[in-house]
């Protein structure tokens, strides 16, 4: 089991090292996700207010 945990930690370290250059992409995706969630919440509230689908 120890071998697996070491492998997982090494993979996570490699992923972290790989993700650092792509941080601006994540910074762009996060506001888009928030906007998408807000739109979905607004549509849901509108549907509920109109009495269902």
PDB file of N, CA and C in Angstrom:
ATOM      1  N   UNK A   1       0.825  -1.208   0.000  1.00  0.00           N
ATOM      2  CA  UNK A   1       0.000   0.000   0.000  1.00  0.00           C
ATOM      3  C   UNK A   1       0.859   1.259   0.000  1.00  0.00           C
ATOM      4  N   UNK A   2       2.043   1.165   0.642  1.00  0.00           N
ATOM      5  CA  UNK A   2       2.913   2.347   0.693  1.00  0.00           C
ATOM      6  C   UNK A   2       3.391   2.743  -0.703  1.00  0.00           C
ATOM      7  N   UNK A   3       3.657   1.740  -1.537  1.00  0.00           N
ATOM      8  CA  UNK A   3       4.102   2.030  -2.895  1.00  0.00           C
ATOM      9  C   UNK A   3       3.069   2.832  -3.664  1.00  0.00           C
ATOM     10  N   UNK A   4       1.795   2.515  -3.467  1.00  0.00           N
ATOM     11  CA  UNK A   4       0.732   3.247  -4.154  1.00  0.00           C
ATOM     12  C   UNK A   4       0.670   4.697  -3.689  1.00  0.00           C
ATOM     13  N   UNK A   5       0.774   4.928  -2.388  1.00  0.00           N
ATOM     14  CA  UNK A   5       0.694   6.295  -1.867  1.00  0.00           C
ATOM     15  C   UNK A   5       1.862   7.141  -2.384  1.00  0.00           C
ATOM     16  N   UNK A   6       3.048   6.531  -2.472  1.00  0.00           N
ATOM     17  CA  UNK A   6       4.210   7.247  -3.004  1.00  0.00           C
ATOM     18  C   UNK A   6       3.976   7.582  -4.472  1.00  0.00           C
ATOM     19  N   UNK A   7       3.410   6.635  -5.211  1.00  0.00           N
ATOM     20  CA  UNK A   7       3.125   6.868  -6.632  1.00  0.00           C
ATOM     21  C   UNK A   7       2.117   8.001  -6.801  1.00  0.00           C
ATOM     22  N   UNK A   8       1.075   8.000  -5.975  1.00  0.00           N
ATOM     23  CA  UNK A   8       0.049   9.036  -6.048  1.00  0.00           C
ATOM     24  C   UNK A   8       0.656  10.410  -5.750  1.00  0.00           C
ATOM     25  N   UNK A   9       1.506  10.478  -4.716  1.00  0.00           N
ATOM     26  CA  UNK A   9       2.102  11.765  -4.350  1.00  0.00           C
ATOM     27  C   UNK A   9       3.024  12.270  -5.466  1.00  0.00           C
ATOM     28  N   UNK A  10       3.766  11.344  -6.104  1.00  0.00           N
ATOM     29  CA  UNK A  10       4.654  11.762  -7.186  1.00  0.00           C
ATOM     30  C   UNK A  10       3.844  12.250  -8.385  1.00  0.00           C
ATOM     31  N   UNK A  11       2.726  11.604  -8.653  1.00  0.00           N
ATOM     32  CA  UNK A  11       1.869  12.025  -9.762  1.00  0.00           C
ATOM     33  C   UNK A  11       1.259  13.387  -9.462  1.00  0.00           C
ATOM     34  N   UNK A  12       0.807  13.583  -8.220  1.00  0.00           N
ATOM     35  CA  UNK A  12       0.208  14.867  -7.861  1.00  0.00           C
ATOM     36  C   UNK A  12       1.249  15.985  -7.957  1.00  0.00           C
ATOM     37  N   UNK A  13       2.480  15.694  -7.553  1.00  0.00           N
ATOM     38  CA  UNK A  13       3.545  16.698  -7.678  1.00  0.00           C
ATOM     39  C   UNK A  13       3.787  17.037  -9.138  1.00  0.00           C
ATOM     40  N   UNK A  14       3.779  16.022  -9.978  1.00  0.00           N
ATOM     41  CA  UNK A  14       4.002  16.245 -11.408  1.00  0.00           C
ATOM     42  C   UNK A  14       2.861  17.075 -11.995  1.00  0.00           C
ATOM     43  N   UNK A  15       1.623  16.756 -11.586  1.00  0.00           N
ATOM     44  CA  UNK A  15       0.469  17.521 -12.056  1.00  0.00           C
ATOM     45  C   UNK A  15       0.543  18.974 -11.595  1.00  0.00           C
ATOM     46  N   UNK A  16       0.946  19.193 -10.342  1.00  0.00           N
ATOM     47  CA  UNK A  16       1.069  20.555  -9.823  1.00  0.00           C
ATOM     48  C   UNK A  16       2.105  21.334 -10.623  1.00  0.00           C
ATOM     49  N   UNK A  17       3.227  20.682 -10.935  1.00  0.00           N
ATOM     50  CA  UNK A  17       4.273  21.337 -11.718  1.00  0.00           C
ATOM     51  C   UNK A  17       3.773  21.642 -13.129  1.00  0.00           C
ATOM     52  N   UNK A  18       2.931  20.766 -13.654  1.00  0.00           N
ATOM     53  CA  UNK A  18       2.408  20.950 -15.002  1.00  0.00           C
ATOM     54  C   UNK A  18       1.309  22.012 -15.029  1.00  0.00           C
ATOM     55  N   UNK A  19       0.575  22.146 -13.921  1.00  0.00           N
ATOM     56  CA  UNK A  19      -0.563  23.070 -13.891  1.00  0.00           C
ATOM     57  C   UNK A  19      -0.143  24.525 -13.703  1.00  0.00           C
ATOM     58  N   UNK A  20       1.019  24.767 -13.169  1.00  0.00           N
ATOM     59  CA  UNK A  20       1.428  26.148 -12.894  1.00  0.00           C
ATOM     60  C   UNK A  20       1.384  27.054 -14.127  1.00  0.00           C
ATOM     61  N   UNK A  21       1.897  26.611 -15.289  1.00  0.00           N
ATOM     62  CA  UNK A  21       1.809  27.495 -16.460  1.00  0.00           C
ATOM     63  C   UNK A  21       0.371  27.725 -16.932  1.00  0.00           C
ATOM     64  N   UNK A  22      -0.545  26.790 -16.640  1.00  0.00           N
ATOM     65  CA  UNK A  22      -1.921  26.905 -17.127  1.00  0.00           C
ATOM     66  C   UNK A  22      -2.826  27.586 -16.098  1.00  0.00           C
ATOM     67  N   UNK A  23      -2.240  28.270 -15.140  1.00  0.00           N
ATOM     68  CA  UNK A  23      -3.051  28.940 -14.120  1.00  0.00           C
ATOM     69  C   UNK A  23      -3.900  30.087 -14.701  1.00  0.00           C
ATOM     70  N   UNK A  24      -3.402  30.892 -15.656  1.00  0.00           N
ATOM     71  CA  UNK A  24      -4.266  31.912 -16.267  1.00  0.00           C
ATOM     72  C   UNK A  24      -5.518  31.318 -16.918  1.00  0.00           C
ATOM     73  N   UNK A  25      -5.397  30.124 -17.509  1.00  0.00           N
ATOM     74  CA  UNK A  25      -6.555  29.464 -18.117  1.00  0.00           C
ATOM     75  C   UNK A  25      -7.584  29.134 -17.044  1.00  0.00           C
ATOM     76  N   UNK A  26      -7.116  28.681 -15.888  1.00  0.00           N
ATOM     77  CA  UNK A  26      -8.024  28.373 -14.779  1.00  0.00           C
ATOM     78  C   UNK A  26      -8.640  29.659 -14.244  1.00  0.00           C
ATOM     79  N   UNK A  27      -7.862  30.735 -14.219  1.00  0.00           N
ATOM     80  CA  UNK A  27      -8.379  32.030 -13.774  1.00  0.00           C
ATOM     81  C   UNK A  27      -9.464  32.551 -14.702  1.00  0.00           C
ATOM     82  N   UNK A  28      -9.405  32.147 -15.966  1.00  0.00           N
ATOM     83  CA  UNK A  28     -10.436  32.538 -16.932  1.00  0.00           C
ATOM     84  C   UNK A  28     -11.650  31.620 -16.829  1.00  0.00           C
ATOM     85  N   UNK A  29     -11.413  30.337 -16.561  1.00  0.00           N
ATOM     86  CA  UNK A  29     -12.502  29.359 -16.507  1.00  0.00           C
ATOM     87  C   UNK A  29     -13.364  29.551 -15.269  1.00  0.00           C
ATOM     88  N   UNK A  30     -12.773  29.989 -14.169  1.00  0.00           N
ATOM     89  CA  UNK A  30     -13.529  30.116 -12.916  1.00  0.00           C
ATOM     90  C   UNK A  30     -14.641  31.165 -13.009  1.00  0.00           C
ATOM     91  N   UNK A  31     -14.379  32.388 -13.490  1.00  0.00           N
ATOM     92  CA  UNK A  31     -15.477  33.352 -13.666  1.00  0.00           C
ATOM     93  C   UNK A  31     -16.537  32.863 -14.652  1.00  0.00           C
ATOM     94  N   UNK A  32     -16.127  32.156 -15.697  1.00  0.00           N
ATOM     95  CA  UNK A  32     -17.094  31.606 -16.654  1.00  0.00           C
ATOM     96  C   UNK A  32     -17.991  30.588 -15.978  1.00  0.00           C
ATOM     97  N   UNK A  33     -17.411  29.774 -15.096  1.00  0.00           N
ATOM     98  CA  UNK A  33     -18.196  28.786 -14.346  1.00  0.00           C
ATOM     99  C   UNK A  33     -19.184  29.483 -13.425  1.00  0.00           C
ATOM    100  N   UNK A  34     -18.735  30.551 -12.757  1.00  0.00           N
ATOM    101  CA  UNK A  34     -19.616  31.310 -11.855  1.00  0.00           C
ATOM    102  C   UNK A  34     -20.767  31.929 -12.641  1.00  0.00           C
ATOM    103  N   UNK A  35     -20.471  32.503 -13.796  1.00  0.00           N
ATOM    104  CA  UNK A  35     -21.509  33.107 -14.642  1.00  0.00           C
ATOM    105  C   UNK A  35     -22.498  32.044 -15.106  1.00  0.00           C
ATOM    106  N   UNK A  36     -21.985  30.873 -15.503  1.00  0.00           N
ATOM    107  CA  UNK A  36     -22.862  29.781 -15.946  1.00  0.00           C
ATOM    108  C   UNK A  36     -23.774  29.327 -14.811  1.00  0.00           C
ATOM    109  N   UNK A  37     -23.231  29.246 -13.597  1.00  0.00           N
ATOM    110  CA  UNK A  37     -24.038  28.854 -12.435  1.00  0.00           C
ATOM    111  C   UNK A  37     -25.098  29.907 -12.130  1.00  0.00           C
ATOM    112  N   UNK A  38     -24.736  31.180 -12.238  1.00  0.00           N
ATOM    113  CA  UNK A  38     -25.707  32.256 -12.002  1.00  0.00           C
ATOM    114  C   UNK A  38     -26.833  32.219 -13.032  1.00  0.00           C
ATOM    115  N   UNK A  39     -26.485  31.976 -14.290  1.00  0.00           N
ATOM    116  CA  UNK A  39     -27.501  31.880 -15.346  1.00  0.00           C
ATOM    117  C   UNK A  39     -28.422  30.692 -15.084  1.00  0.00           C
ATOM    118  N   UNK A  40     -27.829  29.556 -14.694  1.00  0.00           N
ATOM    119  CA  UNK A  40     -28.628  28.367 -14.395  1.00  0.00           C
ATOM    120  C   UNK A  40     -29.557  28.623 -13.212  1.00  0.00           C
ATOM    121  N   UNK A  41     -29.064  29.312 -12.189  1.00  0.00           N
ATOM    122  CA  UNK A  41     -29.886  29.625 -11.012  1.00  0.00           C
ATOM    123  C   UNK A  41     -31.017  30.578 -11.392  1.00  0.00           C
ATOM    124  N   UNK A  42     -30.723  31.568 -12.239  1.00  0.00           N
ATOM    125  CA  UNK A  42     -31.752  32.516 -12.672  1.00  0.00           C
ATOM    126  C   UNK A  42     -32.823  31.811 -13.499  1.00  0.00           C
ATOM    127  N   UNK A  43     -32.406  30.923 -14.388  1.00  0.00           N
ATOM    128  CA  UNK A  43     -33.367  30.165 -15.195  1.00  0.00           C
ATOM    129  C   UNK A  43     -34.220  29.268 -14.311  1.00  0.00           C
ATOM    130  N   UNK A  44     -33.599  28.628 -13.330  1.00  0.00           N
ATOM    131  CA  UNK A  44     -34.335  27.777 -12.396  1.00  0.00           C
ATOM    132  C   UNK A  44     -35.368  28.567 -11.613  1.00  0.00           C
ATOM    133  N   UNK A  45     -34.981  29.747 -11.135  1.00  0.00           N
ATOM    134  CA  UNK A  45     -35.907  30.598 -10.379  1.00  0.00           C
ATOM    135  C   UNK A  45     -37.055  31.067 -11.275  1.00  0.00           C
ATOM    136  N   UNK A  46     -36.747  31.375 -12.527  1.00  0.00           N
ATOM    137  CA  UNK A  46     -37.774  31.811 -13.478  1.00  0.00           C
ATOM    138  C   UNK A  46     -38.780  30.692 -13.739  1.00  0.00           C
ATOM    139  N   UNK A  47     -38.267  29.475 -13.927  1.00  0.00           N
ATOM    140  CA  UNK A  47     -39.140  28.320 -14.184  1.00  0.00           C
ATOM    141  C   UNK A  47     -40.036  28.059 -12.976  1.00  0.00           C
ATOM    142  N   UNK A  48     -39.458  28.133 -11.785  1.00  0.00           N
ATOM    143  CA  UNK A  48     -40.241  27.911 -10.560  1.00  0.00           C
ATOM    144  C   UNK A  48     -41.297  29.006 -10.409  1.00  0.00           C
ATOM    145  N   UNK A  49     -40.925  30.253 -10.698  1.00  0.00           N
ATOM    146  CA  UNK A  49     -41.860  31.372 -10.560  1.00  0.00           C
ATOM    147  C   UNK A  49     -43.028  31.250 -11.538  1.00  0.00           C
ATOM    148  N   UNK A  50     -42.773  30.665 -12.699  1.00  0.00           N
ATOM    149  CA  UNK A  50     -43.830  30.524 -13.709  1.00  0.00           C
ATOM    150  C   UNK A  50     -44.680  29.276 -13.472  1.00  0.00           C
ATOM    151  N   UNK A  51     -44.327  28.486 -12.484  1.00  0.00           N
ATOM    152  CA  UNK A  51     -45.150  27.328 -12.133  1.00  0.00           C
ATOM    153  C   UNK A  51     -44.673  26.021 -12.738  1.00  0.00           C
ATOM    154  N   UNK A  52     -43.368  25.867 -12.858  1.00  0.00           N
ATOM    155  CA  UNK A  52     -42.814  24.604 -13.360  1.00  0.00           C
ATOM    156  C   UNK A  52     -42.617  24.606 -14.859  1.00  0.00           C
ATOM    157  N   UNK A  53     -42.087  23.501 -15.350  1.00  0.00           N
ATOM    158  CA  UNK A  53     -41.750  23.389 -16.779  1.00  0.00           C
ATOM    159  C   UNK A  53     -43.016  23.048 -17.560  1.00  0.00           C
TER     160      UNK A  53
END
